[in-house]
């Protein structure tokens, strides 16, 4: 943790908030805890997402995930599943999920300025009936990251 504090270092949320105007009500109202039709369409069109995790000590990791659009499966209105494809086998994100299941996701669609943000709790699954639906070029993933949605909203491009 950065310890170099000086007179210009903001150290409390109260101090931070004095430097900004109040949050617009519409920004607070756009967040919801279930996937609506628009959220599901965005996920279906997204070939890329970024997965943020933290380990049990609070160290953060951000990992890109991608495949053909529709690679993330919507299981129900509060659950999605992300296939884990072969990579460098560091397993940072997966190990972090085991230690601390809170995750943040940002979905992107090429040519669309907004992004879709999801925060939730993740688990790892090897359920064959799910993994078989995630095969690409006849390759079934070893596991999937199942995310229980706690908050979802479109993040506008101006941010």
C-alpha atoms as a PDB file:
ATOM      1  CA  UNK A   1       0.000   0.000   0.000  1.00  0.00           C
ATOM      2  CA  UNK A   2       1.262   3.445  -0.925  1.00  0.00           C
ATOM      3  CA  UNK A   3       2.392   5.200   2.257  1.00  0.00           C
ATOM      4  CA  UNK A   4       3.776   8.472   0.861  1.00  0.00           C
ATOM      5  CA  UNK A   5       1.191  10.919   2.201  1.00  0.00           C
ATOM      6  CA  UNK A   6       1.589  14.666   1.959  1.00  0.00           C
ATOM      7  CA  UNK A   7      -0.746  17.634   2.309  1.00  0.00           C
ATOM      8  CA  UNK A   8      -2.177  16.889  -1.164  1.00  0.00           C
ATOM      9  CA  UNK A   9      -3.029  13.245  -0.501  1.00  0.00           C
ATOM     10  CA  UNK A  10      -6.719  12.461  -0.101  1.00  0.00           C
ATOM     11  CA  UNK A  11      -7.127   9.844   2.636  1.00  0.00           C
ATOM     12  CA  UNK A  12     -10.873   9.688   3.371  1.00  0.00           C
ATOM     13  CA  UNK A  13     -14.000   9.270   1.287  1.00  0.00           C
ATOM     14  CA  UNK A  14     -15.495  12.350   2.950  1.00  0.00           C
ATOM     15  CA  UNK A  15     -12.542  14.435   1.758  1.00  0.00           C
ATOM     16  CA  UNK A  16     -12.810  12.917  -1.717  1.00  0.00           C
ATOM     17  CA  UNK A  17     -16.508  13.751  -1.993  1.00  0.00           C
ATOM     18  CA  UNK A  18     -15.872  17.431  -1.168  1.00  0.00           C
ATOM     19  CA  UNK A  19     -13.995  17.707  -4.471  1.00  0.00           C
ATOM     20  CA  UNK A  20     -16.892  16.506  -6.637  1.00  0.00           C
ATOM     21  CA  UNK A  21     -20.533  17.443  -7.126  1.00  0.00           C
ATOM     22  CA  UNK A  22     -23.232  15.084  -5.896  1.00  0.00           C
ATOM     23  CA  UNK A  23     -23.844  11.905  -7.847  1.00  0.00           C
ATOM     24  CA  UNK A  24     -26.682  12.403 -10.299  1.00  0.00           C
ATOM     25  CA  UNK A  25     -29.746  10.350  -9.291  1.00  0.00           C
ATOM     26  CA  UNK A  26     -29.941   8.756 -12.751  1.00  0.00           C
ATOM     27  CA  UNK A  27     -26.427   7.355 -12.245  1.00  0.00           C
ATOM     28  CA  UNK A  28     -27.568   5.618  -9.076  1.00  0.00           C
ATOM     29  CA  UNK A  29     -30.886   4.469 -10.541  1.00  0.00           C
ATOM     30  CA  UNK A  30     -29.360   2.756 -13.576  1.00  0.00           C
ATOM     31  CA  UNK A  31     -27.755   0.024 -11.432  1.00  0.00           C
ATOM     32  CA  UNK A  32     -29.814  -3.123 -10.929  1.00  0.00           C
ATOM     33  CA  UNK A  33     -29.232  -6.638  -9.600  1.00  0.00           C
ATOM     34  CA  UNK A  34     -30.763  -8.739 -12.358  1.00  0.00           C
ATOM     35  CA  UNK A  35     -29.953  -8.938 -16.045  1.00  0.00           C
ATOM     36  CA  UNK A  36     -32.556  -7.270 -18.209  1.00  0.00           C
ATOM     37  CA  UNK A  37     -33.137  -7.783 -21.937  1.00  0.00           C
ATOM     38  CA  UNK A  38     -30.635  -5.068 -22.907  1.00  0.00           C
ATOM     39  CA  UNK A  39     -27.922  -6.489 -20.625  1.00  0.00           C
ATOM     40  CA  UNK A  40     -28.381  -9.959 -22.124  1.00  0.00           C
ATOM     41  CA  UNK A  41     -28.189  -8.550 -25.669  1.00  0.00           C
ATOM     42  CA  UNK A  42     -24.988  -6.687 -24.808  1.00  0.00           C
ATOM     43  CA  UNK A  43     -23.425  -9.863 -23.390  1.00  0.00           C
ATOM     44  CA  UNK A  44     -24.500 -11.844 -26.489  1.00  0.00           C
ATOM     45  CA  UNK A  45     -22.772  -9.307 -28.766  1.00  0.00           C
ATOM     46  CA  UNK A  46     -19.590  -8.978 -26.723  1.00  0.00           C
ATOM     47  CA  UNK A  47     -16.455 -10.791 -27.939  1.00  0.00           C
ATOM     48  CA  UNK A  48     -14.351  -9.378 -25.098  1.00  0.00           C
ATOM     49  CA  UNK A  49     -14.472  -8.684 -21.383  1.00  0.00           C
ATOM     50  CA  UNK A  50     -12.061  -7.745 -18.640  1.00  0.00           C
ATOM     51  CA  UNK A  51     -12.217  -9.682 -15.372  1.00  0.00           C
ATOM     52  CA  UNK A  52     -11.045  -8.008 -12.158  1.00  0.00           C
ATOM     53  CA  UNK A  53     -10.261 -10.144  -9.102  1.00  0.00           C
ATOM     54  CA  UNK A  54      -8.399  -9.811  -5.806  1.00  0.00           C
ATOM     55  CA  UNK A  55      -6.586 -12.380  -3.732  1.00  0.00           C
ATOM     56  CA  UNK A  56      -7.082 -12.925  -0.004  1.00  0.00           C
ATOM     57  CA  UNK A  57      -4.408 -10.310   0.753  1.00  0.00           C
ATOM     58  CA  UNK A  58      -6.085  -7.610  -1.346  1.00  0.00           C
ATOM     59  CA  UNK A  59      -3.703  -7.755  -4.317  1.00  0.00           C
ATOM     60  CA  UNK A  60      -5.588  -7.057  -7.545  1.00  0.00           C
ATOM     61  CA  UNK A  61      -5.478  -8.735 -10.936  1.00  0.00           C
ATOM     62  CA  UNK A  62      -7.136  -7.828 -14.226  1.00  0.00           C
ATOM     63  CA  UNK A  63      -7.421 -10.421 -16.952  1.00  0.00           C
ATOM     64  CA  UNK A  64      -8.742 -10.189 -20.541  1.00  0.00           C
ATOM     65  CA  UNK A  65     -11.200 -12.832 -21.740  1.00  0.00           C
ATOM     66  CA  UNK A  66     -12.474 -13.235 -25.262  1.00  0.00           C
ATOM     67  CA  UNK A  67     -13.973 -15.533 -27.851  1.00  0.00           C
ATOM     68  CA  UNK A  68     -16.601 -15.213 -30.584  1.00  0.00           C
ATOM     69  CA  UNK A  69     -19.582 -13.046 -29.559  1.00  0.00           C
ATOM     70  CA  UNK A  70     -21.907 -15.010 -27.295  1.00  0.00           C
ATOM     71  CA  UNK A  71     -19.066 -16.863 -25.560  1.00  0.00           C
ATOM     72  CA  UNK A  72     -20.425 -15.830 -22.153  1.00  0.00           C
ATOM     73  CA  UNK A  73     -23.542 -17.825 -21.318  1.00  0.00           C
ATOM     74  CA  UNK A  74     -26.479 -16.248 -19.540  1.00  0.00           C
ATOM     75  CA  UNK A  75     -27.764 -18.999 -17.277  1.00  0.00           C
ATOM     76  CA  UNK A  76     -30.592 -17.009 -15.708  1.00  0.00           C
ATOM     77  CA  UNK A  77     -31.414 -13.412 -14.770  1.00  0.00           C
ATOM     78  CA  UNK A  78     -28.724 -13.364 -12.084  1.00  0.00           C
ATOM     79  CA  UNK A  79     -26.109 -15.821 -13.317  1.00  0.00           C
ATOM     80  CA  UNK A  80     -23.597 -15.877 -16.164  1.00  0.00           C
ATOM     81  CA  UNK A  81     -20.781 -18.281 -17.024  1.00  0.00           C
ATOM     82  CA  UNK A  82     -17.450 -17.448 -18.656  1.00  0.00           C
ATOM     83  CA  UNK A  83     -15.428 -20.270 -20.257  1.00  0.00           C
ATOM     84  CA  UNK A  84     -11.781 -20.509 -19.226  1.00  0.00           C
ATOM     85  CA  UNK A  85      -9.627 -21.025 -22.291  1.00  0.00           C
ATOM     86  CA  UNK A  86      -6.022 -22.269 -22.334  1.00  0.00           C
ATOM     87  CA  UNK A  87      -3.540 -19.575 -21.392  1.00  0.00           C
ATOM     88  CA  UNK A  88      -0.300 -19.185 -19.511  1.00  0.00           C
ATOM     89  CA  UNK A  89      -1.477 -21.396 -16.614  1.00  0.00           C
ATOM     90  CA  UNK A  90      -0.564 -18.806 -13.982  1.00  0.00           C
ATOM     91  CA  UNK A  91      -4.174 -19.201 -12.810  1.00  0.00           C
ATOM     92  CA  UNK A  92      -4.096 -15.802 -11.078  1.00  0.00           C
ATOM     93  CA  UNK A  93      -7.784 -15.001 -11.600  1.00  0.00           C
ATOM     94  CA  UNK A  94      -8.935 -18.520 -10.814  1.00  0.00           C
ATOM     95  CA  UNK A  95      -6.857 -18.745  -7.624  1.00  0.00           C
ATOM     96  CA  UNK A  96      -8.113 -15.320  -6.595  1.00  0.00           C
ATOM     97  CA  UNK A  97     -11.733 -16.410  -7.039  1.00  0.00           C
ATOM     98  CA  UNK A  98     -11.128 -19.351  -4.697  1.00  0.00           C
ATOM     99  CA  UNK A  99      -9.572 -17.019  -2.089  1.00  0.00           C
ATOM    100  CA  UNK A 100     -11.943 -14.063  -2.524  1.00  0.00           C
ATOM    101  CA  UNK A 101     -14.979 -14.539  -4.813  1.00  0.00           C
ATOM    102  CA  UNK A 102     -15.857 -10.857  -5.465  1.00  0.00           C
ATOM    103  CA  UNK A 103     -15.318  -9.986  -9.133  1.00  0.00           C
ATOM    104  CA  UNK A 104     -15.817  -7.026 -11.440  1.00  0.00           C
ATOM    105  CA  UNK A 105     -16.436  -7.423 -15.179  1.00  0.00           C
ATOM    106  CA  UNK A 106     -16.447  -4.951 -18.031  1.00  0.00           C
ATOM    107  CA  UNK A 107     -17.963  -6.170 -21.318  1.00  0.00           C
ATOM    108  CA  UNK A 108     -17.075  -4.419 -24.572  1.00  0.00           C
ATOM    109  CA  UNK A 109     -18.631  -4.502 -28.025  1.00  0.00           C
ATOM    110  CA  UNK A 110     -16.549  -3.207 -30.966  1.00  0.00           C
ATOM    111  CA  UNK A 111     -18.023  -0.029 -32.441  1.00  0.00           C
ATOM    112  CA  UNK A 112     -20.171   0.679 -29.372  1.00  0.00           C
ATOM    113  CA  UNK A 113     -18.912   3.342 -26.989  1.00  0.00           C
ATOM    114  CA  UNK A 114     -20.704   2.193 -23.819  1.00  0.00           C
ATOM    115  CA  UNK A 115     -19.550  -0.756 -21.747  1.00  0.00           C
ATOM    116  CA  UNK A 116     -21.546  -3.116 -19.539  1.00  0.00           C
ATOM    117  CA  UNK A 117     -20.341  -3.504 -15.970  1.00  0.00           C
ATOM    118  CA  UNK A 118     -21.166  -6.418 -13.713  1.00  0.00           C
ATOM    119  CA  UNK A 119     -20.109  -6.883 -10.109  1.00  0.00           C
ATOM    120  CA  UNK A 120     -20.795 -10.127  -8.329  1.00  0.00           C
ATOM    121  CA  UNK A 121     -19.531 -13.252  -6.639  1.00  0.00           C
ATOM    122  CA  UNK A 122     -17.805 -15.982  -8.660  1.00  0.00           C
ATOM    123  CA  UNK A 123     -17.339 -19.709  -8.315  1.00  0.00           C
ATOM    124  CA  UNK A 124     -15.536 -22.190 -10.547  1.00  0.00           C
ATOM    125  CA  UNK A 125     -17.487 -25.033 -12.110  1.00  0.00           C
ATOM    126  CA  UNK A 126     -16.659 -28.158 -14.087  1.00  0.00           C
ATOM    127  CA  UNK A 127     -20.309 -29.032 -14.841  1.00  0.00           C
ATOM    128  CA  UNK A 128     -20.110 -31.018 -18.107  1.00  0.00           C
ATOM    129  CA  UNK A 129     -23.581 -29.964 -19.291  1.00  0.00           C
ATOM    130  CA  UNK A 130     -22.513 -26.307 -19.120  1.00  0.00           C
ATOM    131  CA  UNK A 131     -18.994 -26.731 -20.487  1.00  0.00           C
ATOM    132  CA  UNK A 132     -20.239 -28.653 -23.534  1.00  0.00           C
ATOM    133  CA  UNK A 133     -22.343 -25.614 -24.540  1.00  0.00           C
ATOM    134  CA  UNK A 134     -19.165 -23.499 -24.504  1.00  0.00           C
ATOM    135  CA  UNK A 135     -17.115 -25.527 -26.981  1.00  0.00           C
ATOM    136  CA  UNK A 136     -15.281 -23.548 -29.668  1.00  0.00           C
ATOM    137  CA  UNK A 137     -13.802 -25.465 -32.609  1.00  0.00           C
ATOM    138  CA  UNK A 138     -14.731 -28.686 -30.777  1.00  0.00           C
ATOM    139  CA  UNK A 139     -12.631 -27.679 -27.740  1.00  0.00           C
ATOM    140  CA  UNK A 140     -14.515 -27.812 -24.465  1.00  0.00           C
ATOM    141  CA  UNK A 141     -13.134 -25.551 -21.714  1.00  0.00           C
ATOM    142  CA  UNK A 142     -11.650 -27.194 -18.613  1.00  0.00           C
ATOM    143  CA  UNK A 143     -13.871 -25.078 -16.388  1.00  0.00           C
ATOM    144  CA  UNK A 144     -16.096 -22.041 -16.334  1.00  0.00           C
ATOM    145  CA  UNK A 145     -16.295 -19.034 -14.065  1.00  0.00           C
ATOM    146  CA  UNK A 146     -19.875 -18.768 -12.837  1.00  0.00           C
ATOM    147  CA  UNK A 147     -20.799 -15.257 -11.668  1.00  0.00           C
ATOM    148  CA  UNK A 148     -23.798 -14.460  -9.495  1.00  0.00           C
ATOM    149  CA  UNK A 149     -24.785 -10.918 -10.491  1.00  0.00           C
ATOM    150  CA  UNK A 150     -25.062  -8.422  -7.636  1.00  0.00           C
ATOM    151  CA  UNK A 151     -24.923  -5.205  -9.661  1.00  0.00           C
ATOM    152  CA  UNK A 152     -25.161  -4.479 -13.378  1.00  0.00           C
ATOM    153  CA  UNK A 153     -25.289  -1.252 -15.371  1.00  0.00           C
ATOM    154  CA  UNK A 154     -24.273   0.349 -18.648  1.00  0.00           C
ATOM    155  CA  UNK A 155     -21.253   2.592 -18.256  1.00  0.00           C
ATOM    156  CA  UNK A 156     -21.582   5.544 -20.602  1.00  0.00           C
ATOM    157  CA  UNK A 157     -18.761   6.534 -22.921  1.00  0.00           C
ATOM    158  CA  UNK A 158     -18.270   9.977 -21.382  1.00  0.00           C
ATOM    159  CA  UNK A 159     -16.946   8.316 -18.209  1.00  0.00           C
END
